[in-house]
Structure formats: C-alpha cells, structure tokens
Amino acid sequence: MAKYFPEMLAEHQNFIKKQHLFFIATAPLDAAGHVNLSPKGYDTLRILSSTEIAYLDLTGSGNETSGHINENARITFMFCAFEGPPMILRLYGSGKVILPETEEWDSA
C-alpha cells in the first residue's frame, strides 16, 4: 500500500541520488490530449530542498513536458530501484519552466 509524505525524507533523497534513470509524467487539461511520460537520466537532477527538485530537460520528442507545465503545472517524477530491494518512489507536484534567458536560471 502506498504511503504519502508531505516532504522527502533523508532516505528518499538518498534513494533518488542513487538512481541513474527516472521518469517524468505530465498531461494536458484537454481530455483529448495524452499523457506524456519520458525517461530522463544522466546527471540532470538536483535536490534543492526536502520539497523542491530541479532537472534539466534536454531536447527530445517535441518538449510536451514544458507545454503541459505551462498549461497546468502538474508533474509527477517516478524513481524505480533497478538494483537492490524493490522500491518505487513518486513525487507529485507543481512544475515551473525556467529558461536560460530568465532571471531564475542562474539560481536553479
């Protein structure tokens, strides 16, 4: 059964830091639209605090993630253990697109 936490615990953060691959899911508000689920990896994710993370969204399949984020901000991150004990960790939250030409870019 799923357990819900108001913020990432230290063990969640340690688990996330060990993962080489994670997934991002977003969806539009329009029921005719589709869920966008993308694998991410490399060294693109940073834990900023117990309630905030950031990742660099490299170019890919049309950048639907940014479109959905700009429309409704909903985003889910999923981390899966591919080694060791089985574990799936999902982070549900609100996203914000930060581009190189914005003031926030250097602080993110």
Protein backbone atom coordinates (compact mmCIF):
# COMPACT_ATOMS: atom_id res chain seq x y z
CA MET A 1 0.00 0.00 0.00
CA ALA A 2 1.24 3.47 -0.83
CA LYS A 3 2.49 5.81 1.86
CA TYR A 4 2.29 9.58 1.46
CA PHE A 5 4.73 12.09 2.93
CA PRO A 6 4.49 15.92 2.98
CA GLU A 7 8.19 16.16 2.03
CA MET A 8 11.11 13.96 1.03
CA LEU A 9 12.76 12.25 3.95
CA ALA A 10 16.53 11.73 4.04
CA GLU A 11 16.08 8.11 2.90
CA HIS A 12 14.01 9.27 -0.08
CA GLN A 13 16.71 11.76 -1.07
CA ASN A 14 19.42 9.10 -0.73
CA PHE A 15 17.40 6.71 -2.90
CA ILE A 16 16.89 9.38 -5.57
CA LYS A 17 20.62 10.21 -5.64
CA LYS A 18 21.46 6.56 -6.41
CA GLN A 19 19.18 6.31 -9.44
CA HIS A 20 20.62 6.62 -12.95
CA LEU A 21 17.21 6.78 -14.60
CA PHE A 22 13.91 8.43 -13.65
CA PHE A 23 10.64 9.21 -15.38
CA ILE A 24 8.61 12.41 -15.77
CA ALA A 25 4.86 12.38 -16.44
CA THR A 26 2.65 15.32 -17.37
CA ALA A 27 -0.76 15.68 -19.00
CA PRO A 28 -2.81 18.44 -20.60
CA LEU A 29 -6.19 19.54 -19.24
CA ASP A 30 -7.91 18.64 -22.51
CA ALA A 31 -9.36 15.12 -22.29
CA ALA A 32 -8.47 14.62 -25.97
CA GLY A 33 -4.79 15.19 -25.15
CA HIS A 34 -2.45 12.49 -23.97
CA VAL A 35 -0.22 11.81 -21.00
CA ASN A 36 3.44 12.46 -21.72
CA LEU A 37 5.80 10.03 -19.98
CA SER A 38 9.52 10.49 -20.58
CA PRO A 39 12.60 8.68 -19.31
CA LYS A 40 15.31 11.01 -18.01
CA GLY A 41 18.81 10.41 -16.79
CA TYR A 42 22.41 11.40 -16.95
CA ASP A 43 23.33 13.92 -14.27
CA THR A 44 20.36 16.25 -14.81
CA LEU A 45 18.51 16.19 -11.46
CA ARG A 46 19.20 18.21 -8.32
CA ILE A 47 17.50 18.08 -4.93
CA LEU A 48 17.16 21.71 -3.83
CA SER A 49 15.33 21.05 -0.54
CA SER A 50 13.05 18.47 1.04
CA THR A 51 10.15 19.87 -1.04
CA GLU A 52 11.86 21.04 -4.23
CA ILE A 53 13.82 19.43 -7.04
CA ALA A 54 15.05 20.66 -10.41
CA TYR A 55 16.09 18.88 -13.56
CA LEU A 56 17.46 19.90 -16.92
CA ASP A 57 15.03 18.84 -19.64
CA LEU A 58 17.25 18.07 -22.60
CA THR A 59 15.76 18.25 -26.09
CA GLY A 60 13.70 15.28 -27.09
CA SER A 61 10.31 14.42 -28.52
CA GLY A 62 8.80 17.87 -29.00
CA ASN A 63 9.02 19.11 -25.41
CA GLU A 64 5.43 18.31 -24.43
CA THR A 65 6.54 18.43 -20.79
CA SER A 66 7.06 22.20 -20.92
CA GLY A 67 3.78 22.70 -22.75
CA HIS A 68 1.86 20.77 -20.10
CA ILE A 69 3.71 22.51 -17.25
CA ASN A 70 2.87 25.92 -18.72
CA GLU A 71 -0.77 24.88 -19.08
CA ASN A 72 -1.44 23.38 -15.65
CA ALA A 73 1.86 22.89 -13.73
CA ARG A 74 1.08 19.25 -12.79
CA ILE A 75 4.08 16.91 -12.86
CA THR A 76 4.99 13.51 -11.44
CA PHE A 77 8.51 12.15 -11.04
CA MET A 78 8.96 8.39 -10.67
CA PHE A 79 12.11 6.65 -9.48
CA CYS A 80 12.43 2.84 -9.64
CA ALA A 81 15.03 0.63 -8.00
CA PHE A 82 16.71 -1.46 -10.69
CA GLU A 83 19.19 -2.83 -8.15
CA GLY A 84 18.78 -3.88 -4.53
CA PRO A 85 15.44 -4.10 -2.74
CA PRO A 86 12.39 -3.26 -4.87
CA MET A 87 11.15 0.28 -4.48
CA ILE A 88 9.15 2.82 -6.46
CA LEU A 89 9.11 6.44 -5.31
CA ARG A 90 6.82 9.02 -6.88
CA LEU A 91 6.98 12.76 -6.33
CA TYR A 92 3.73 14.58 -7.14
CA GLY A 93 3.94 18.31 -7.52
CA SER A 94 3.76 21.52 -9.46
CA GLY A 95 6.37 22.41 -12.03
CA LYS A 96 7.72 25.61 -13.46
CA VAL A 97 9.64 26.07 -16.70
CA ILE A 98 12.83 28.08 -16.23
CA LEU A 99 14.64 29.05 -19.43
CA PRO A 100 18.22 30.31 -19.87
CA GLU A 101 17.00 33.85 -20.58
CA THR A 102 15.09 34.14 -17.26
CA GLU A 103 16.50 35.56 -14.02
CA GLU A 104 15.85 32.28 -12.19
CA TRP A 105 18.14 30.27 -14.48
CA ASP A 106 21.34 31.03 -12.55
CA SER A 107 19.78 30.20 -9.18
CA ALA A 108 18.14 26.92 -10.26
